[in-house]
PDB file of N, CA and C in Angstrom:
ATOM      1  N   UNK A   1     108.742  55.169 256.796  1.00  0.00           N
ATOM      2  CA  UNK A   1     108.347  54.127 255.888  1.00  0.00           C
ATOM      3  C   UNK A   1     108.033  54.707 254.510  1.00  0.00           C
ATOM      4  N   UNK A   2     108.465  55.882 254.272  1.00  0.00           N
ATOM      5  CA  UNK A   2     108.205  56.543 253.006  1.00  0.00           C
ATOM      6  C   UNK A   2     108.844  55.812 251.830  1.00  0.00           C
ATOM      7  N   UNK A   3     109.972  55.166 252.074  1.00  0.00           N
ATOM      8  CA  UNK A   3     110.649  54.475 250.975  1.00  0.00           C
ATOM      9  C   UNK A   3     110.286  52.990 250.914  1.00  0.00           C
ATOM     10  N   UNK A   4     109.288  52.575 251.651  1.00  0.00           N
ATOM     11  CA  UNK A   4     108.838  51.186 251.601  1.00  0.00           C
ATOM     12  C   UNK A   4     109.482  50.285 252.636  1.00  0.00           C
ATOM     13  N   UNK A   5     110.483  50.779 253.364  1.00  0.00           N
ATOM     14  CA  UNK A   5     111.137  49.962 254.389  1.00  0.00           C
ATOM     15  C   UNK A   5     110.442  50.151 255.736  1.00  0.00           C
ATOM     16  N   UNK A   6     110.347  49.092 256.462  1.00  0.00           N
ATOM     17  CA  UNK A   6     109.765  49.127 257.796  1.00  0.00           C
ATOM     18  C   UNK A   6     110.840  49.588 258.780  1.00  0.00           C
ATOM     19  N   UNK A   7     110.525  50.582 259.570  1.00  0.00           N
ATOM     20  CA  UNK A   7     111.472  51.056 260.566  1.00  0.00           C
ATOM     21  C   UNK A   7     111.184  50.370 261.894  1.00  0.00           C
ATOM     22  N   UNK A   8     112.207  49.785 262.475  1.00  0.00           N
ATOM     23  CA  UNK A   8     112.075  49.085 263.746  1.00  0.00           C
ATOM     24  C   UNK A   8     113.008  49.756 264.748  1.00  0.00           C
ATOM     25  N   UNK A   9     112.462  50.111 265.893  1.00  0.00           N
ATOM     26  CA  UNK A   9     113.296  50.670 266.946  1.00  0.00           C
ATOM     27  C   UNK A   9     114.062  49.537 267.611  1.00  0.00           C
ATOM     28  N   UNK A  10     115.367  49.631 267.547  1.00  0.00           N
ATOM     29  CA  UNK A  10     116.206  48.637 268.207  1.00  0.00           C
ATOM     30  C   UNK A  10     116.505  49.113 269.617  1.00  0.00           C
ATOM     31  N   UNK A  11     116.615  48.176 270.559  1.00  0.00           N
ATOM     32  CA  UNK A  11     116.898  48.601 271.932  1.00  0.00           C
ATOM     33  C   UNK A  11     118.288  49.213 272.057  1.00  0.00           C
ATOM     34  N   UNK A  12     118.401  50.148 272.982  1.00  0.00           N
ATOM     35  CA  UNK A  12     119.680  50.728 273.346  1.00  0.00           C
ATOM     36  C   UNK A  12     120.035  50.134 274.702  1.00  0.00           C
ATOM     37  N   UNK A  13     121.242  49.634 274.821  1.00  0.00           N
ATOM     38  CA  UNK A  13     121.674  49.004 276.066  1.00  0.00           C
ATOM     39  C   UNK A  13     122.491  49.997 276.874  1.00  0.00           C
ATOM     40  N   UNK A  14     122.307  49.932 278.191  1.00  0.00           N
ATOM     41  CA  UNK A  14     122.993  50.817 279.117  1.00  0.00           C
ATOM     42  C   UNK A  14     123.639  49.914 280.171  1.00  0.00           C
ATOM     43  N   UNK A  15     124.900  50.178 280.493  1.00  0.00           N
ATOM     44  CA  UNK A  15     125.648  49.313 281.405  1.00  0.00           C
ATOM     45  C   UNK A  15     126.144  50.138 282.592  1.00  0.00           C
ATOM     46  N   UNK A  16     125.870  49.631 283.784  1.00  0.00           N
ATOM     47  CA  UNK A  16     126.304  50.248 285.037  1.00  0.00           C
ATOM     48  C   UNK A  16     127.319  49.308 285.678  1.00  0.00           C
ATOM     49  N   UNK A  17     128.449  49.854 286.131  1.00  0.00           N
ATOM     50  CA  UNK A  17     129.453  49.044 286.834  1.00  0.00           C
ATOM     51  C   UNK A  17     129.791  49.704 288.159  1.00  0.00           C
ATOM     52  N   UNK A  18     129.731  48.886 289.200  1.00  0.00           N
ATOM     53  CA  UNK A  18     130.125  49.291 290.545  1.00  0.00           C
ATOM     54  C   UNK A  18     131.374  48.473 290.877  1.00  0.00           C
ATOM     55  N   UNK A  19     132.375  49.121 291.419  1.00  0.00           N
ATOM     56  CA  UNK A  19     133.653  48.458 291.668  1.00  0.00           C
ATOM     57  C   UNK A  19     133.782  47.969 293.107  1.00  0.00           C
ATOM     58  N   UNK A  20     134.600  46.941 293.319  1.00  0.00           N
ATOM     59  CA  UNK A  20     134.864  46.405 294.653  1.00  0.00           C
ATOM     60  C   UNK A  20     135.489  47.496 295.519  1.00  0.00           C
ATOM     61  N   UNK A  21     136.432  48.228 294.941  1.00  0.00           N
ATOM     62  CA  UNK A  21     137.076  49.331 295.645  1.00  0.00           C
ATOM     63  C   UNK A  21     136.090  50.493 295.710  1.00  0.00           C
ATOM     64  N   UNK A  22     135.571  50.782 296.887  1.00  0.00           N
ATOM     65  CA  UNK A  22     134.555  51.819 297.051  1.00  0.00           C
ATOM     66  C   UNK A  22     135.067  53.224 296.732  1.00  0.00           C
ATOM     67  N   UNK A  23     136.388  53.370 296.584  1.00  0.00           N
ATOM     68  CA  UNK A  23     136.941  54.683 296.252  1.00  0.00           C
ATOM     69  C   UNK A  23     136.694  55.030 294.786  1.00  0.00           C
ATOM     70  N   UNK A  24     136.443  54.029 293.978  1.00  0.00           N
ATOM     71  CA  UNK A  24     136.163  54.266 292.565  1.00  0.00           C
ATOM     72  C   UNK A  24     134.670  54.493 292.393  1.00  0.00           C
ATOM     73  N   UNK A  25     134.318  55.570 291.718  1.00  0.00           N
ATOM     74  CA  UNK A  25     132.909  55.888 291.496  1.00  0.00           C
ATOM     75  C   UNK A  25     132.289  54.911 290.513  1.00  0.00           C
ATOM     76  N   UNK A  26     131.034  54.528 290.753  1.00  0.00           N
ATOM     77  CA  UNK A  26     130.324  53.711 289.758  1.00  0.00           C
ATOM     78  C   UNK A  26     130.187  54.502 288.461  1.00  0.00           C
ATOM     79  N   UNK A  27     130.084  53.771 287.358  1.00  0.00           N
ATOM     80  CA  UNK A  27     129.994  54.423 286.054  1.00  0.00           C
ATOM     81  C   UNK A  27     128.897  53.790 285.217  1.00  0.00           C
ATOM     82  N   UNK A  28     128.363  54.580 284.305  1.00  0.00           N
ATOM     83  CA  UNK A  28     127.358  54.082 283.369  1.00  0.00           C
ATOM     84  C   UNK A  28     127.780  54.451 281.957  1.00  0.00           C
ATOM     85  N   UNK A  29     127.631  53.494 281.088  1.00  0.00           N
ATOM     86  CA  UNK A  29     127.843  53.744 279.658  1.00  0.00           C
ATOM     87  C   UNK A  29     126.487  53.558 278.989  1.00  0.00           C
ATOM     88  N   UNK A  30     126.066  54.565 278.218  1.00  0.00           N
ATOM     89  CA  UNK A  30     124.735  54.583 277.633  1.00  0.00           C
ATOM     90  C   UNK A  30     124.739  54.301 276.136  1.00  0.00           C
ATOM     91  N   UNK A  31     123.577  53.870 275.649  1.00  0.00           N
ATOM     92  CA  UNK A  31     123.261  53.791 274.221  1.00  0.00           C
ATOM     93  C   UNK A  31     124.155  52.856 273.410  1.00  0.00           C
ATOM     94  N   UNK A  32     124.456  51.697 273.958  1.00  0.00           N
ATOM     95  CA  UNK A  32     125.218  50.700 273.197  1.00  0.00           C
ATOM     96  C   UNK A  32     124.268  49.879 272.339  1.00  0.00           C
ATOM     97  N   UNK A  33     124.752  49.445 271.195  1.00  0.00           N
ATOM     98  CA  UNK A  33     123.984  48.485 270.403  1.00  0.00           C
ATOM     99  C   UNK A  33     124.209  47.111 270.993  1.00  0.00           C
ATOM    100  N   UNK A  34     123.424  46.150 270.586  1.00  0.00           N
ATOM    101  CA  UNK A  34     123.608  44.783 271.078  1.00  0.00           C
ATOM    102  C   UNK A  34     124.982  44.267 270.692  1.00  0.00           C
ATOM    103  N   UNK A  35     125.403  44.546 269.473  1.00  0.00           N
ATOM    104  CA  UNK A  35     126.718  44.105 269.000  1.00  0.00           C
ATOM    105  C   UNK A  35     127.825  44.702 269.859  1.00  0.00           C
ATOM    106  N   UNK A  36     127.734  45.986 270.186  1.00  0.00           N
ATOM    107  CA  UNK A  36     128.746  46.629 271.030  1.00  0.00           C
ATOM    108  C   UNK A  36     128.739  46.028 272.427  1.00  0.00           C
ATOM    109  N   UNK A  37     127.557  45.805 272.978  1.00  0.00           N
ATOM    110  CA  UNK A  37     127.442  45.214 274.308  1.00  0.00           C
ATOM    111  C   UNK A  37     128.142  43.863 274.369  1.00  0.00           C
ATOM    112  N   UNK A  38     127.859  43.022 273.396  1.00  0.00           N
ATOM    113  CA  UNK A  38     128.447  41.674 273.378  1.00  0.00           C
ATOM    114  C   UNK A  38     129.954  41.735 273.138  1.00  0.00           C
ATOM    115  N   UNK A  39     130.367  42.502 272.146  1.00  0.00           N
ATOM    116  CA  UNK A  39     131.786  42.539 271.761  1.00  0.00           C
ATOM    117  C   UNK A  39     132.666  43.248 272.781  1.00  0.00           C
ATOM    118  N   UNK A  40     132.194  44.399 273.274  1.00  0.00           N
ATOM    119  CA  UNK A  40     133.042  45.239 274.121  1.00  0.00           C
ATOM    120  C   UNK A  40     132.986  44.850 275.595  1.00  0.00           C
ATOM    121  N   UNK A  41     131.824  44.395 276.064  1.00  0.00           N
ATOM    122  CA  UNK A  41     131.673  44.169 277.506  1.00  0.00           C
ATOM    123  C   UNK A  41     131.358  42.721 277.857  1.00  0.00           C
ATOM    124  N   UNK A  42     130.265  42.175 277.337  1.00  0.00           N
ATOM    125  CA  UNK A  42     129.790  40.862 277.790  1.00  0.00           C
ATOM    126  C   UNK A  42     130.780  39.736 277.531  1.00  0.00           C
ATOM    127  N   UNK A  43     131.306  39.649 276.330  1.00  0.00           N
ATOM    128  CA  UNK A  43     132.232  38.542 276.014  1.00  0.00           C
ATOM    129  C   UNK A  43     133.493  38.595 276.867  1.00  0.00           C
ATOM    130  N   UNK A  44     134.202  39.733 276.926  1.00  0.00           N
ATOM    131  CA  UNK A  44     135.388  39.747 277.785  1.00  0.00           C
ATOM    132  C   UNK A  44     135.054  39.527 279.261  1.00  0.00           C
ATOM    133  N   UNK A  45     133.964  40.122 279.730  1.00  0.00           N
ATOM    134  CA  UNK A  45     133.584  39.970 281.139  1.00  0.00           C
ATOM    135  C   UNK A  45     133.309  38.501 281.465  1.00  0.00           C
ATOM    136  N   UNK A  46     132.534  37.839 280.626  1.00  0.00           N
ATOM    137  CA  UNK A  46     132.164  36.442 280.873  1.00  0.00           C
ATOM    138  C   UNK A  46     133.340  35.480 280.774  1.00  0.00           C
ATOM    139  N   UNK A  47     134.366  35.852 280.037  1.00  0.00           N
ATOM    140  CA  UNK A  47     135.549  34.992 279.924  1.00  0.00           C
ATOM    141  C   UNK A  47     136.649  35.394 280.913  1.00  0.00           C
ATOM    142  N   UNK A  48     136.373  36.412 281.731  1.00  0.00           N
ATOM    143  CA  UNK A  48     137.336  36.836 282.747  1.00  0.00           C
ATOM    144  C   UNK A  48     138.444  37.719 282.212  1.00  0.00           C
ATOM    145  N   UNK A  49     138.273  38.249 281.016  1.00  0.00           N
ATOM    146  CA  UNK A  49     139.296  39.107 280.410  1.00  0.00           C
ATOM    147  C   UNK A  49     138.987  40.576 280.679  1.00  0.00           C
ATOM    148  N   UNK A  50     140.042  41.404 280.768  1.00  0.00           N
ATOM    149  CA  UNK A  50     139.806  42.834 280.969  1.00  0.00           C
ATOM    150  C   UNK A  50     139.143  43.459 279.741  1.00  0.00           C
ATOM    151  N   UNK A  51     138.446  44.569 279.966  1.00  0.00           N
ATOM    152  CA  UNK A  51     137.784  45.278 278.878  1.00  0.00           C
ATOM    153  C   UNK A  51     137.796  46.774 279.176  1.00  0.00           C
ATOM    154  N   UNK A  52     137.692  47.563 278.124  1.00  0.00           N
ATOM    155  CA  UNK A  52     137.670  49.022 278.274  1.00  0.00           C
ATOM    156  C   UNK A  52     136.252  49.482 278.568  1.00  0.00           C
ATOM    157  N   UNK A  53     136.125  50.318 279.588  1.00  0.00           N
ATOM    158  CA  UNK A  53     134.818  50.850 279.973  1.00  0.00           C
ATOM    159  C   UNK A  53     135.006  52.275 280.471  1.00  0.00           C
ATOM    160  N   UNK A  54     134.376  53.218 279.818  1.00  0.00           N
ATOM    161  CA  UNK A  54     134.456  54.635 280.203  1.00  0.00           C
ATOM    162  C   UNK A  54     135.899  55.121 280.339  1.00  0.00           C
ATOM    163  N   UNK A  55     136.733  54.692 279.415  1.00  0.00           N
ATOM    164  CA  UNK A  55     138.112  55.174 279.377  1.00  0.00           C
ATOM    165  C   UNK A  55     139.096  54.477 280.285  1.00  0.00           C
ATOM    166  N   UNK A  56     138.684  53.403 280.939  1.00  0.00           N
ATOM    167  CA  UNK A  56     139.642  52.684 281.790  1.00  0.00           C
ATOM    168  C   UNK A  56     139.539  51.186 281.552  1.00  0.00           C
ATOM    169  N   UNK A  57     140.654  50.514 281.782  1.00  0.00           N
ATOM    170  CA  UNK A  57     140.711  49.073 281.619  1.00  0.00           C
ATOM    171  C   UNK A  57     140.171  48.424 282.897  1.00  0.00           C
ATOM    172  N   UNK A  58     139.095  47.659 282.757  1.00  0.00           N
ATOM    173  CA  UNK A  58     138.414  47.063 283.909  1.00  0.00           C
ATOM    174  C   UNK A  58     138.732  45.576 283.988  1.00  0.00           C
ATOM    175  N   UNK A  59     139.104  45.135 285.172  1.00  0.00           N
ATOM    176  CA  UNK A  59     139.323  43.721 285.449  1.00  0.00           C
ATOM    177  C   UNK A  59     138.013  43.172 286.013  1.00  0.00           C
ATOM    178  N   UNK A  60     137.420  42.141 285.400  1.00  0.00           N
ATOM    179  CA  UNK A  60     136.130  41.619 285.877  1.00  0.00           C
ATOM    180  C   UNK A  60     136.116  41.265 287.367  1.00  0.00           C
ATOM    181  N   UNK A  61     137.220  40.756 287.883  1.00  0.00           N
ATOM    182  CA  UNK A  61     137.246  40.363 289.296  1.00  0.00           C
ATOM    183  C   UNK A  61     137.221  41.563 290.242  1.00  0.00           C
ATOM    184  N   UNK A  62     137.394  42.760 289.713  1.00  0.00           N
ATOM    185  CA  UNK A  62     137.364  43.966 290.545  1.00  0.00           C
ATOM    186  C   UNK A  62     136.028  44.697 290.459  1.00  0.00           C
ATOM    187  N   UNK A  63     135.036  44.036 289.873  1.00  0.00           N
ATOM    188  CA  UNK A  63     133.697  44.630 289.818  1.00  0.00           C
ATOM    189  C   UNK A  63     132.826  43.990 290.893  1.00  0.00           C
ATOM    190  N   UNK A  64     132.060  44.830 291.581  1.00  0.00           N
ATOM    191  CA  UNK A  64     131.160  44.332 292.619  1.00  0.00           C
ATOM    192  C   UNK A  64     129.782  44.040 292.045  1.00  0.00           C
ATOM    193  N   UNK A  65     129.371  44.860 291.068  1.00  0.00           N
ATOM    194  CA  UNK A  65     128.038  44.708 290.503  1.00  0.00           C
ATOM    195  C   UNK A  65     128.032  45.267 289.085  1.00  0.00           C
ATOM    196  N   UNK A  66     127.427  44.520 288.197  1.00  0.00           N
ATOM    197  CA  UNK A  66     127.236  44.972 286.821  1.00  0.00           C
ATOM    198  C   UNK A  66     125.749  44.838 286.503  1.00  0.00           C
ATOM    199  N   UNK A  67     125.159  45.922 286.057  1.00  0.00           N
ATOM    200  CA  UNK A  67     123.741  45.924 285.704  1.00  0.00           C
ATOM    201  C   UNK A  67     123.627  46.355 284.249  1.00  0.00           C
ATOM    202  N   UNK A  68     122.926  45.542 283.473  1.00  0.00           N
ATOM    203  CA  UNK A  68     122.653  45.886 282.081  1.00  0.00           C
ATOM    204  C   UNK A  68     121.157  46.127 281.973  1.00  0.00           C
ATOM    205  N   UNK A  69     120.799  47.285 281.494  1.00  0.00           N
ATOM    206  CA  UNK A  69     119.381  47.571 281.276  1.00  0.00           C
ATOM    207  C   UNK A  69     119.227  48.159 279.883  1.00  0.00           C
ATOM    208  N   UNK A  70     118.022  48.122 279.376  1.00  0.00           N
ATOM    209  CA  UNK A  70     117.809  48.563 278.006  1.00  0.00           C
ATOM    210  C   UNK A  70     116.551  49.414 277.910  1.00  0.00           C
ATOM    211  N   UNK A  71     116.486  50.144 276.829  1.00  0.00           N
ATOM    212  CA  UNK A  71     115.313  50.961 276.537  1.00  0.00           C
ATOM    213  C   UNK A  71     115.229  51.138 275.028  1.00  0.00           C
ATOM    214  N   UNK A  72     114.091  51.592 274.574  1.00  0.00           N
ATOM    215  CA  UNK A  72     113.944  51.935 273.157  1.00  0.00           C
ATOM    216  C   UNK A  72     114.237  53.415 272.931  1.00  0.00           C
ATOM    217  N   UNK A  73     114.486  54.135 274.002  1.00  0.00           N
ATOM    218  CA  UNK A  73     114.798  55.562 273.935  1.00  0.00           C
ATOM    219  C   UNK A  73     116.281  55.772 274.213  1.00  0.00           C
ATOM    220  N   UNK A  74     116.839  56.821 273.625  1.00  0.00           N
ATOM    221  CA  UNK A  74     118.199  57.209 273.964  1.00  0.00           C
ATOM    222  C   UNK A  74     118.213  57.732 275.395  1.00  0.00           C
ATOM    223  N   UNK A  75     119.360  57.662 276.038  1.00  0.00           N
ATOM    224  CA  UNK A  75     119.444  58.019 277.460  1.00  0.00           C
ATOM    225  C   UNK A  75     118.999  59.448 277.726  1.00  0.00           C
ATOM    226  N   UNK A  76     119.177  60.346 276.790  1.00  0.00           N
ATOM    227  CA  UNK A  76     118.786  61.743 277.022  1.00  0.00           C
ATOM    228  C   UNK A  76     117.271  61.897 277.207  1.00  0.00           C
ATOM    229  N   UNK A  77     116.514  60.867 276.808  1.00  0.00           N
ATOM    230  CA  UNK A  77     115.061  60.913 276.960  1.00  0.00           C
ATOM    231  C   UNK A  77     114.580  60.145 278.191  1.00  0.00           C
ATOM    232  N   UNK A  78     115.487  59.481 278.895  1.00  0.00           N
ATOM    233  CA  UNK A  78     115.113  58.722 280.092  1.00  0.00           C
ATOM    234  C   UNK A  78     115.224  59.615 281.322  1.00  0.00           C
ATOM    235  N   UNK A  79     114.240  59.512 282.204  1.00  0.00           N
ATOM    236  CA  UNK A  79     114.229  60.373 283.385  1.00  0.00           C
ATOM    237  C   UNK A  79     113.856  59.579 284.629  1.00  0.00           C
ATOM    238  N   UNK A  80     114.322  60.085 285.770  1.00  0.00           N
ATOM    239  CA  UNK A  80     113.944  59.531 287.066  1.00  0.00           C
ATOM    240  C   UNK A  80     112.535  60.021 287.396  1.00  0.00           C
ATOM    241  N   UNK A  81     111.994  59.537 288.494  1.00  0.00           N
ATOM    242  CA  UNK A  81     110.632  59.924 288.874  1.00  0.00           C
ATOM    243  C   UNK A  81     110.498  61.426 289.138  1.00  0.00           C
ATOM    244  N   UNK A  82     111.616  62.088 289.482  1.00  0.00           N
ATOM    245  CA  UNK A  82     111.575  63.539 289.709  1.00  0.00           C
ATOM    246  C   UNK A  82     111.836  64.319 288.414  1.00  0.00           C
ATOM    247  N   UNK A  83     111.817  63.615 287.284  1.00  0.00           N
ATOM    248  CA  UNK A  83     111.982  64.174 285.936  1.00  0.00           C
ATOM    249  C   UNK A  83     113.408  64.608 285.611  1.00  0.00           C
ATOM    250  N   UNK A  84     114.359  64.241 286.446  1.00  0.00           N
ATOM    251  CA  UNK A  84     115.763  64.545 286.169  1.00  0.00           C
ATOM    252  C   UNK A  84     116.307  63.502 285.186  1.00  0.00           C
ATOM    253  N   UNK A  85     117.026  63.956 284.178  1.00  0.00           N
ATOM    254  CA  UNK A  85     117.589  63.036 283.193  1.00  0.00           C
ATOM    255  C   UNK A  85     118.612  62.113 283.854  1.00  0.00           C
ATOM    256  N   UNK A  86     118.534  60.826 283.552  1.00  0.00           N
ATOM    257  CA  UNK A  86     119.475  59.890 284.175  1.00  0.00           C
ATOM    258  C   UNK A  86     120.903  60.133 283.721  1.00  0.00           C
ATOM    259  N   UNK A  87     121.086  60.574 282.507  1.00  0.00           N
ATOM    260  CA  UNK A  87     122.442  60.805 281.998  1.00  0.00           C
ATOM    261  C   UNK A  87     123.141  61.943 282.721  1.00  0.00           C
ATOM    262  N   UNK A  88     122.375  62.879 283.283  1.00  0.00           N
ATOM    263  CA  UNK A  88     122.967  64.039 283.956  1.00  0.00           C
ATOM    264  C   UNK A  88     123.001  63.921 285.469  1.00  0.00           C
ATOM    265  N   UNK A  89     122.448  62.855 286.010  1.00  0.00           N
ATOM    266  CA  UNK A  89     122.422  62.717 287.473  1.00  0.00           C
ATOM    267  C   UNK A  89     123.831  62.471 287.984  1.00  0.00           C
ATOM    268  N   UNK A  90     124.269  63.224 289.001  1.00  0.00           N
ATOM    269  CA  UNK A  90     125.645  63.084 289.480  1.00  0.00           C
ATOM    270  C   UNK A  90     125.945  61.769 290.211  1.00  0.00           C
ATOM    271  N   UNK A  91     124.927  61.157 290.825  1.00  0.00           N
ATOM    272  CA  UNK A  91     125.137  59.924 291.579  1.00  0.00           C
ATOM    273  C   UNK A  91     124.563  58.759 290.788  1.00  0.00           C
ATOM    274  N   UNK A  92     125.434  58.051 290.081  1.00  0.00           N
ATOM    275  CA  UNK A  92     125.000  56.960 289.203  1.00  0.00           C
ATOM    276  C   UNK A  92     124.375  55.812 289.982  1.00  0.00           C
ATOM    277  N   UNK A  93     124.757  55.622 291.239  1.00  0.00           N
ATOM    278  CA  UNK A  93     124.171  54.563 292.055  1.00  0.00           C
ATOM    279  C   UNK A  93     122.687  54.828 292.301  1.00  0.00           C
ATOM    280  N   UNK A  94     122.318  56.077 292.477  1.00  0.00           N
ATOM    281  CA  UNK A  94     120.911  56.447 292.665  1.00  0.00           C
ATOM    282  C   UNK A  94     120.112  56.083 291.419  1.00  0.00           C
ATOM    283  N   UNK A  95     120.681  56.287 290.269  1.00  0.00           N
ATOM    284  CA  UNK A  95     120.006  55.955 289.011  1.00  0.00           C
ATOM    285  C   UNK A  95     119.643  54.476 288.978  1.00  0.00           C
ATOM    286  N   UNK A  96     120.538  53.613 289.380  1.00  0.00           N
ATOM    287  CA  UNK A  96     120.310  52.174 289.336  1.00  0.00           C
ATOM    288  C   UNK A  96     119.375  51.729 290.449  1.00  0.00           C
ATOM    289  N   UNK A  97     119.580  52.245 291.648  1.00  0.00           N
ATOM    290  CA  UNK A  97     118.724  51.862 292.772  1.00  0.00           C
ATOM    291  C   UNK A  97     117.316  52.322 292.538  1.00  0.00           C
TER     292      UNK A  97
END
């Protein structure tokens, strides 16, 4: 606030997708802005259109579960109860559960 502007922490959105096909690993995309969340994921998903997620084209009907969670911290600062960073945990399903 040195220059007179008020600094506001905006939430960072994190998206977890679990696929119907159990052979595909669940994935998490971290640190999206609200605009990115709406434009890249929520709008296409809600209208039944495919969207890009973690480098692959996802068909909404092939998703079993989508979880959107948010924080005021970047993912590198978020940790599980055992203090392991969520971004580095190998089993993304454990992070969500």
